[in-house]
Amino acid sequence: MTGRLPHSQNRHLTFKANMGVGRHGWLRLTPAYGVRLVRERISHLPAGSIVTDPFSGTGTTPLAAAELGHSGQSVDLNPFLIWLGRTKTRHYSAEVVDAARSEIAAVTGAARGFLTREDLWQPNLFKIEKWWSVATLQGLKALRHAIDERGERDEITDLLEIGLCRTLISRSNAAFNHQSMSFKAAKPEDGLFDPNEAQDTLTVFGDETGSIVDSAAYDLVGNAKIVHGDSRTAAAELAPCDLLLTSPPYVNRMSYIRELRPYMYWLRFLDRASDAGDLDWKAIGGTWGTATSKLNSWTPEVETPVAAEMTLICEAIAQDGGRNGPLLANYVHKYFHDMWLHFQAVTPRVKVGGAVSYIVGNSTFYGHVVPAQDWYAAMLKELGYTDVAVDTIRKRNSNKALYEYDVRGTRT
């Protein structure tokens, strides 16, 4: 039964709680749950437990598990997120940390010499001039070139590229406001090259990367691994876990790819806009770019245990949503279709007696509530989980009808 007692907006349970928390604060991404919530769920486990997150994202769960002396393991489809998770959960030797500090100064110095070059590579990001002023963009290009000129693809490169990611987003004109993204109004001077502004970009890089390397110096007690895989199928590399703790994409059309694009372009994980849509189509709940058009022709492969209730809500969404109604009805249907495939695939990767904990939010479309937490619980019960319960964690700040829940169960 779902408890609907009043809940405040517990911001310490969201991604904002990750900012400035060691390695957890390396990159800010909006659709992420806070490390404090993860640590609370893990804290009762015996030392050396195996903790799985089938939706790795920024790697919060495996990193928290490793920090507390456990073995964390997670899965993701996105190559950038796999790289990010592995970089955050790596053991860095004192020698690497010292060398990284030296390389920050070397890269910054080299980049200073590239600020006047006109032949530097830049990513094929649509309307890149909206993201950065001419001077800031030149500073970023100089840093990218200086990192490339090292000629190495090593642990230090990874730390430098995390610093580049931090710099490019902190110096950008973009603002990520919930499900929308906006840009600061362009100023006339943005189109002119200001050498001081370009130098400021290099200074920010030095400061940001320095703080990253400082936190990398604190080693992890446990271990973690992040593997490539589809959450709808079982990754063979995953060991059976004591606790599955995750926060899947919410049913709200908000996609990681939206905020990941600048990072992925600068780190060369993306080159064409269509690649982002193709990648997002493979993700549960993905609707970016071409993924949206593919929803129109999607048809289910299997029935779900919540088919009857879901059909009624999807029909209402299709009817009341105007031109977009049928598309969003298909989106909701596909989301829970894919989650049912996920639950079936991941269950054998949970030890008998092991626990699962899914942090998820409900949603609304044209006034119709989509009770994700209840449908998750129904699917777990269908698979034989016991002690299935839904706890309300917090009220979300986007809509008075929206809450975040913890859907729990024990595998038998």
Protein backbone atom coordinates (compact mmCIF):
# COMPACT_ATOMS: atom_id res chain seq x y z
CA MET A 1 0.00 0.00 0.00
CA THR A 2 1.27 3.46 -0.88
CA GLY A 3 1.58 5.94 1.98
CA ARG A 4 0.49 9.41 0.85
CA LEU A 5 1.37 11.39 3.93
CA PRO A 6 2.64 14.97 3.40
CA HIS A 7 6.28 15.01 2.34
CA SER A 8 8.51 18.03 1.98
CA GLN A 9 10.84 18.47 -0.95
CA ASN A 10 13.81 16.64 0.54
CA ARG A 11 16.47 18.16 -1.67
CA HIS A 12 19.23 16.23 0.08
CA LEU A 13 17.81 13.14 -1.62
CA THR A 14 18.35 14.49 -5.16
CA PHE A 15 21.33 15.10 -7.43
CA LYS A 16 21.88 18.45 -5.67
CA ALA A 17 23.11 16.47 -2.70
CA ASN A 18 25.87 15.08 -4.91
CA MET A 19 27.48 18.43 -5.58
CA GLY A 20 30.72 18.80 -3.67
CA VAL A 21 30.55 15.26 -2.25
CA GLY A 22 33.92 13.98 -3.41
CA ARG A 23 33.78 11.95 -6.59
CA HIS A 24 29.98 12.13 -6.62
CA GLY A 25 30.25 15.83 -7.42
CA TRP A 26 32.45 15.43 -10.47
CA LEU A 27 29.62 16.02 -12.94
CA ARG A 28 26.13 17.39 -12.39
CA LEU A 29 23.28 15.70 -14.22
CA THR A 30 19.69 16.54 -13.41
CA PRO A 31 18.00 13.11 -13.51
CA ALA A 32 20.01 11.62 -10.66
CA TYR A 33 19.27 10.64 -7.10
CA GLY A 34 21.45 11.78 -4.22
CA VAL A 35 24.31 9.90 -2.65
CA ARG A 36 22.79 10.30 0.81
CA LEU A 37 19.74 8.29 -0.23
CA VAL A 38 21.95 5.60 -1.73
CA ARG A 39 24.15 5.40 1.35
CA GLU A 40 21.11 5.07 3.60
CA ARG A 41 19.89 2.07 1.57
CA ILE A 42 23.33 0.42 1.60
CA SER A 43 24.37 1.16 5.19
CA HIS A 44 22.75 -1.96 6.73
CA LEU A 45 24.52 -4.44 4.46
CA PRO A 46 27.31 -6.72 5.74
CA ALA A 47 30.79 -5.79 4.54
CA GLY A 48 31.63 -7.09 1.10
CA SER A 49 28.04 -7.28 -0.14
CA ILE A 50 27.30 -7.10 -3.86
CA VAL A 51 25.20 -4.11 -4.91
CA THR A 52 23.82 -3.88 -8.44
CA ASP A 53 22.43 -0.91 -10.36
CA PRO A 54 21.02 -1.93 -13.76
CA PHE A 55 20.61 1.75 -14.70
CA SER A 56 24.08 3.06 -13.92
CA GLY A 57 23.71 6.66 -15.07
CA THR A 58 26.41 8.72 -13.38
CA GLY A 59 27.53 5.74 -11.31
CA THR A 60 26.17 6.95 -7.97
CA THR A 61 25.24 3.47 -6.72
CA PRO A 62 28.44 1.54 -7.56
CA LEU A 63 30.58 4.42 -6.29
CA ALA A 64 28.69 4.63 -2.99
CA ALA A 65 28.94 0.85 -2.63
CA ALA A 66 32.71 0.93 -3.19
CA GLU A 67 33.11 3.80 -0.73
CA LEU A 68 31.41 1.71 1.95
CA GLY A 69 33.52 -1.39 1.35
CA HIS A 70 31.16 -3.32 -0.91
CA SER A 71 31.33 -4.53 -4.50
CA GLY A 72 29.31 -2.29 -6.75
CA GLN A 73 28.32 -3.28 -10.27
CA SER A 74 26.18 -1.49 -12.80
CA VAL A 75 25.04 -1.54 -16.41
CA ASP A 76 24.52 1.18 -18.99
CA LEU A 77 24.01 1.50 -22.72
CA ASN A 78 25.57 4.93 -23.09
CA PRO A 79 29.33 4.76 -23.75
CA PHE A 80 29.91 8.15 -22.14
CA LEU A 81 28.17 7.09 -18.93
CA ILE A 82 30.15 3.85 -18.88
CA TRP A 83 33.36 5.87 -19.21
CA LEU A 84 32.22 8.32 -16.53
CA GLY A 85 31.29 5.55 -14.10
CA ARG A 86 34.56 3.74 -14.61
CA THR A 87 36.56 6.94 -14.16
CA LYS A 88 34.72 7.79 -10.94
CA THR A 89 35.11 4.31 -9.42
CA ARG A 90 38.75 3.67 -10.33
CA HIS A 91 41.54 3.21 -7.78
CA TYR A 92 44.14 5.92 -8.40
CA SER A 93 47.67 5.40 -7.13
CA ALA A 94 49.62 8.18 -5.42
CA GLU A 95 51.92 8.25 -8.45
CA VAL A 96 49.02 8.82 -10.84
CA VAL A 97 47.56 11.56 -8.63
CA ASP A 98 50.90 13.38 -8.45
CA ALA A 99 51.42 13.05 -12.19
CA ALA A 100 47.88 14.31 -12.84
CA ARG A 101 48.56 17.45 -10.81
CA SER A 102 51.64 18.12 -12.94
CA GLU A 103 49.69 17.50 -16.13
CA ILE A 104 47.06 20.09 -15.20
CA ALA A 105 49.73 22.78 -15.28
CA ALA A 106 51.27 21.34 -18.45
CA VAL A 107 47.96 21.20 -20.32
CA THR A 108 46.93 24.67 -19.19
CA GLY A 109 50.28 26.07 -20.28
CA ALA A 110 50.12 24.35 -23.65
CA ALA A 111 46.54 25.53 -24.20
CA ARG A 112 47.62 29.11 -23.56
CA GLY A 113 49.87 28.83 -26.59
CA PHE A 114 46.98 27.60 -28.76
CA LEU A 115 44.57 30.46 -28.03
CA THR A 116 45.40 32.32 -31.24
CA ARG A 117 45.25 29.30 -33.55
CA GLU A 118 42.42 29.23 -36.05
CA ASP A 119 42.70 25.59 -37.13
CA LEU A 120 41.68 23.87 -33.89
CA TRP A 121 39.06 21.11 -33.95
CA GLN A 122 35.61 21.83 -32.57
CA PRO A 123 32.70 19.44 -32.10
CA ASN A 124 29.84 19.25 -34.58
CA LEU A 125 27.33 20.49 -32.00
CA PHE A 126 24.29 22.20 -33.51
CA LYS A 127 24.42 25.99 -33.10
CA ILE A 128 27.54 25.78 -30.99
CA GLU A 129 27.67 29.59 -30.83
CA LYS A 130 24.59 29.50 -28.58
CA TRP A 131 26.46 27.39 -26.06
CA TRP A 132 29.65 29.44 -25.71
CA SER A 133 30.98 32.86 -26.62
CA VAL A 134 33.73 33.06 -29.23
CA ALA A 135 36.42 33.54 -26.57
CA THR A 136 35.20 30.74 -24.30
CA LEU A 137 34.86 28.39 -27.26
CA GLN A 138 38.43 29.15 -28.29
CA GLY A 139 39.60 28.40 -24.76
CA LEU A 140 37.79 25.05 -24.79
CA LYS A 141 39.20 24.18 -28.21
CA ALA A 142 42.70 25.01 -26.96
CA LEU A 143 42.22 22.76 -23.92
CA ARG A 144 40.87 19.92 -26.06
CA HIS A 145 43.87 20.24 -28.38
CA ALA A 146 46.33 20.37 -25.48
CA ILE A 147 44.88 17.18 -23.98
CA ASP A 148 45.06 15.49 -27.39
CA GLU A 149 48.65 16.60 -27.85
CA ARG A 150 49.66 14.58 -24.78
CA GLY A 151 49.37 11.56 -27.06
CA GLU A 152 48.20 9.37 -24.17
CA ARG A 153 44.95 7.53 -23.47
CA ASP A 154 45.48 6.80 -19.78
CA GLU A 155 44.00 7.39 -16.33
CA ILE A 156 45.35 10.95 -16.30
CA THR A 157 43.61 11.67 -19.60
CA ASP A 158 40.33 10.56 -18.04
CA LEU A 159 40.77 12.96 -15.11
CA LEU A 160 41.70 15.80 -17.46
CA GLU A 161 38.60 15.12 -19.55
CA ILE A 162 36.39 15.18 -16.47
CA GLY A 163 37.90 18.60 -15.83
CA LEU A 164 37.16 19.62 -19.41
CA CYS A 165 33.53 18.52 -18.95
CA ARG A 166 33.24 20.53 -15.75
CA THR A 167 34.72 23.56 -17.47
CA LEU A 168 32.64 23.46 -20.63
CA ILE A 169 29.38 23.29 -18.70
CA SER A 170 30.31 25.90 -16.09
CA ARG A 171 31.35 28.30 -18.87
CA SER A 172 28.33 27.62 -21.08
CA ASN A 173 25.29 29.78 -21.72
CA ALA A 174 22.96 26.84 -21.15
CA ALA A 175 20.57 26.46 -18.23
CA PHE A 176 18.85 23.14 -17.60
CA ASN A 177 15.49 24.01 -16.09
CA HIS A 178 13.68 20.79 -15.30
CA GLN A 179 12.45 19.38 -18.63
CA SER A 180 13.31 22.47 -20.65
CA MET A 181 16.67 23.85 -21.66
CA SER A 182 17.29 27.53 -22.22
CA PHE A 183 20.20 29.75 -23.15
CA LYS A 184 21.24 33.11 -21.82
CA ALA A 185 20.50 35.97 -24.17
CA ALA A 186 23.43 36.63 -26.48
CA LYS A 187 25.42 39.80 -25.87
CA PRO A 188 27.10 41.73 -28.71
CA GLU A 189 30.52 41.07 -27.20
CA ASP A 190 29.95 37.30 -27.30
CA GLY A 191 30.86 37.37 -30.98
CA LEU A 192 34.22 39.04 -30.35
CA PHE A 193 37.40 37.37 -29.19
CA ASP A 194 38.36 38.59 -25.72
CA PRO A 195 41.75 37.14 -24.72
CA ASN A 196 40.99 37.67 -21.03
CA GLU A 197 37.80 35.63 -21.30
CA ALA A 198 39.65 32.87 -23.11
CA GLN A 199 42.30 32.87 -20.39
CA ASP A 200 39.55 32.73 -17.75
CA THR A 201 38.39 29.47 -19.33
CA LEU A 202 41.86 28.00 -18.85
CA THR A 203 41.89 29.19 -15.25
CA VAL A 204 38.54 27.53 -14.59
CA PHE A 205 39.88 24.31 -16.08
CA GLY A 206 42.88 24.38 -13.75
CA ASP A 207 40.69 24.95 -10.70
CA GLU A 208 38.04 22.39 -11.64
CA THR A 209 40.52 19.68 -12.57
CA GLY A 210 42.55 20.34 -9.45
CA SER A 211 39.54 19.66 -7.25
CA ILE A 212 38.80 16.48 -9.20
CA VAL A 213 42.33 15.17 -8.74
CA ASP A 214 42.22 16.06 -5.03
CA SER A 215 39.14 13.89 -4.53
CA ALA A 216 40.60 11.09 -6.67
CA ALA A 217 43.44 10.90 -4.13
CA TYR A 218 41.01 9.46 -1.55
CA ASP A 219 40.98 5.77 -2.41
CA LEU A 220 37.94 3.50 -2.31
CA VAL A 221 37.61 0.77 0.31
CA GLY A 222 35.67 -1.54 -2.00
CA ASN A 223 35.49 -2.06 -5.73
CA ALA A 224 33.13 -1.35 -8.58
CA LYS A 225 32.65 -2.28 -12.19
CA ILE A 226 30.49 -0.74 -14.89
CA VAL A 227 29.63 -2.88 -17.91
CA HIS A 228 27.96 -2.20 -21.22
CA GLY A 229 24.52 -3.72 -21.54
CA ASP A 230 20.80 -3.31 -22.09
CA SER A 231 18.73 -3.25 -18.90
CA ARG A 232 16.04 -5.24 -20.70
CA THR A 233 18.38 -8.23 -20.89
CA ALA A 234 20.59 -9.78 -18.25
CA ALA A 235 24.26 -8.79 -18.50
CA ALA A 236 26.34 -11.96 -18.25
CA GLU A 237 29.07 -10.13 -16.33
CA LEU A 238 26.81 -9.38 -13.37
CA ALA A 239 27.24 -11.53 -10.28
CA PRO A 240 24.08 -12.32 -8.29
CA CYS A 241 23.58 -9.43 -5.89
CA ASP A 242 22.53 -8.96 -2.28
CA LEU A 243 20.85 -5.66 -3.10
CA LEU A 244 19.62 -4.22 -6.36
CA LEU A 245 19.38 -0.46 -5.86
CA THR A 246 18.52 1.78 -8.77
CA SER A 247 16.63 4.78 -10.05
CA PRO A 248 15.38 4.04 -13.58
CA PRO A 249 14.35 6.79 -15.98
CA TYR A 250 11.07 8.31 -14.86
CA VAL A 251 7.97 8.25 -17.07
CA ASN A 252 8.32 11.92 -17.96
CA ARG A 253 10.09 12.04 -21.34
CA MET A 254 13.17 13.48 -19.66
CA SER A 255 16.27 11.95 -21.16
CA TYR A 256 19.87 11.87 -20.02
CA ILE A 257 20.95 12.43 -23.60
CA ARG A 258 19.62 15.99 -23.45
CA GLU A 259 22.29 17.06 -20.96
CA LEU A 260 24.92 14.57 -22.07
CA ARG A 261 25.20 15.90 -25.61
CA PRO A 262 27.82 18.64 -24.98
CA TYR A 263 30.02 16.23 -23.03
CA MET A 264 29.63 13.49 -25.62
CA TYR A 265 30.49 15.79 -28.52
CA TRP A 266 33.58 17.27 -26.86
CA LEU A 267 34.81 13.80 -25.83
CA ARG A 268 33.99 12.46 -29.33
CA PHE A 269 31.37 9.94 -28.27
CA LEU A 270 28.98 11.73 -30.66
CA ASP A 271 29.51 13.35 -34.04
CA ARG A 272 26.05 13.47 -35.65
CA ALA A 273 22.76 14.57 -34.11
CA SER A 274 21.05 11.40 -35.36
CA ASP A 275 23.46 9.29 -33.30
CA ALA A 276 21.95 10.71 -30.10
CA GLY A 277 18.44 9.73 -31.17
CA ASP A 278 19.55 6.25 -32.20
CA LEU A 279 21.22 5.74 -28.83
CA ASP A 280 18.25 7.08 -26.87
CA TRP A 281 15.84 4.77 -28.68
CA LYS A 282 17.68 1.82 -27.15
CA ALA A 283 17.22 3.25 -23.64
CA ILE A 284 14.06 2.72 -21.59
CA GLY A 285 11.99 5.88 -21.79
CA GLY A 286 14.19 7.41 -24.48
CA THR A 287 12.50 9.97 -26.74
CA TRP A 288 15.31 12.22 -27.96
CA GLY A 289 15.40 13.12 -31.67
CA THR A 290 14.62 10.21 -33.96
CA ALA A 291 13.47 8.13 -30.99
CA THR A 292 10.27 10.19 -30.91
CA SER A 293 9.34 9.40 -34.51
CA LYS A 294 10.01 5.71 -33.95
CA LEU A 295 7.41 5.66 -31.19
CA ASN A 296 4.67 6.20 -33.76
CA SER A 297 5.23 2.80 -35.32
CA TRP A 298 6.17 0.87 -32.18
CA THR A 299 4.14 -2.24 -31.28
CA PRO A 300 4.47 -4.39 -28.13
CA GLU A 301 6.12 -7.79 -28.14
CA VAL A 302 4.67 -9.08 -24.86
CA GLU A 303 1.79 -8.46 -22.49
CA THR A 304 2.47 -6.96 -19.06
CA PRO A 305 0.81 -7.76 -15.72
CA VAL A 306 -0.60 -4.21 -15.65
CA ALA A 307 -2.04 -4.32 -19.17
CA ALA A 308 -5.68 -3.77 -18.17
CA GLU A 309 -5.11 -0.69 -16.03
CA MET A 310 -2.44 0.67 -18.34
CA THR A 311 -4.68 0.35 -21.40
CA LEU A 312 -7.36 2.49 -19.77
CA ILE A 313 -4.90 5.24 -18.90
CA CYS A 314 -3.20 5.13 -22.29
CA GLU A 315 -6.56 5.40 -24.04
CA ALA A 316 -7.40 8.44 -21.92
CA ILE A 317 -4.05 10.05 -22.72
CA ALA A 318 -4.53 9.37 -26.44
CA GLN A 319 -8.02 10.87 -26.35
CA ASP A 320 -7.26 13.97 -24.28
CA GLY A 321 -3.79 14.77 -25.57
CA GLY A 322 -4.78 16.26 -28.89
CA ARG A 323 -2.29 15.73 -31.69
CA ASN A 324 0.39 14.40 -29.31
CA GLY A 325 -1.97 12.16 -27.36
CA PRO A 326 -1.46 8.94 -29.34
CA LEU A 327 2.32 9.43 -29.34
CA LEU A 328 2.48 9.88 -25.57
CA ALA A 329 0.12 6.96 -25.01
CA ASN A 330 2.56 4.83 -26.99
CA TYR A 331 5.42 6.26 -24.94
CA VAL A 332 3.78 5.19 -21.66
CA HIS A 333 2.94 1.75 -23.06
CA LYS A 334 6.47 1.16 -24.34
CA TYR A 335 8.02 2.35 -21.07
CA PHE A 336 6.19 -0.25 -18.96
CA HIS A 337 6.55 -2.90 -21.65
CA ASP A 338 10.32 -2.42 -21.48
CA MET A 339 10.34 -2.31 -17.68
CA TRP A 340 8.51 -5.64 -17.60
CA LEU A 341 11.24 -7.09 -19.82
CA HIS A 342 13.78 -5.61 -17.41
CA PHE A 343 12.20 -7.07 -14.28
CA GLN A 344 12.08 -10.52 -15.84
CA ALA A 345 15.68 -10.36 -17.04
CA VAL A 346 17.24 -8.99 -13.86
CA THR A 347 15.48 -11.23 -11.33
CA PRO A 348 17.87 -14.20 -11.85
CA ARG A 349 20.71 -11.76 -11.07
CA VAL A 350 19.33 -11.17 -7.56
CA LYS A 351 20.24 -13.73 -4.90
CA VAL A 352 17.41 -15.66 -3.30
CA GLY A 353 16.71 -13.62 -0.18
CA GLY A 354 18.25 -10.56 -1.81
CA ALA A 355 16.42 -7.24 -1.88
CA VAL A 356 15.46 -4.84 -4.64
CA SER A 357 14.84 -1.12 -4.26
CA TYR A 358 13.59 0.97 -7.17
CA ILE A 359 13.51 4.74 -6.71
CA VAL A 360 10.94 6.05 -9.17
CA GLY A 361 8.41 8.84 -9.58
CA ASN A 362 4.86 8.88 -10.82
CA SER A 363 3.82 11.20 -13.64
CA THR A 364 0.85 12.91 -15.22
CA PHE A 365 -0.15 13.34 -18.86
CA TYR A 366 -3.05 15.67 -19.65
CA GLY A 367 -4.42 15.25 -16.15
CA HIS A 368 -4.13 11.47 -16.10
CA VAL A 369 -1.87 10.04 -13.39
CA VAL A 370 0.52 7.27 -14.39
CA PRO A 371 1.19 5.40 -11.10
CA ALA A 372 4.61 3.98 -11.93
CA GLN A 373 5.21 2.95 -8.33
CA ASP A 374 2.08 0.80 -8.19
CA TRP A 375 2.77 -0.84 -11.53
CA TYR A 376 6.36 -1.57 -10.52
CA ALA A 377 5.03 -3.24 -7.37
CA ALA A 378 2.53 -5.29 -9.37
CA MET A 379 5.27 -6.54 -11.67
CA LEU A 380 7.49 -7.54 -8.75
CA LYS A 381 4.63 -9.45 -7.16
CA GLU A 382 3.95 -11.21 -10.46
CA LEU A 383 7.54 -12.46 -10.42
CA GLY A 384 7.16 -13.87 -6.91
CA TYR A 385 8.86 -11.18 -4.85
CA THR A 386 7.65 -10.99 -1.26
CA ASP A 387 7.36 -8.12 1.20
CA VAL A 388 6.67 -5.79 -1.72
CA ALA A 389 6.02 -2.29 -0.43
CA VAL A 390 5.90 1.27 -1.73
CA ASP A 391 7.29 4.04 0.47
CA THR A 392 6.92 7.72 -0.31
CA ILE A 393 10.31 9.43 -0.23
CA ARG A 394 9.62 13.04 -1.10
CA LYS A 395 7.43 15.45 -2.99
CA ARG A 396 8.96 16.54 -6.26
CA ASN A 397 9.20 20.22 -7.06
CA SER A 398 7.74 20.11 -10.56
CA ASN A 399 4.09 19.41 -9.80
CA LYS A 400 1.99 19.13 -6.64
CA ALA A 401 0.74 15.70 -7.78
CA LEU A 402 4.20 14.23 -8.28
CA TYR A 403 6.10 12.20 -5.70
CA GLU A 404 9.18 10.03 -5.55
CA TYR A 405 8.82 6.50 -4.21
CA ASP A 406 10.90 3.54 -3.11
CA VAL A 407 9.45 0.29 -4.45
CA ARG A 408 10.93 -2.56 -2.42
CA GLY A 409 10.77 -6.33 -2.43
CA THR A 410 12.62 -9.55 -1.55
CA ARG A 411 13.37 -12.29 -4.02
CA THR A 412 12.18 -15.77 -3.06
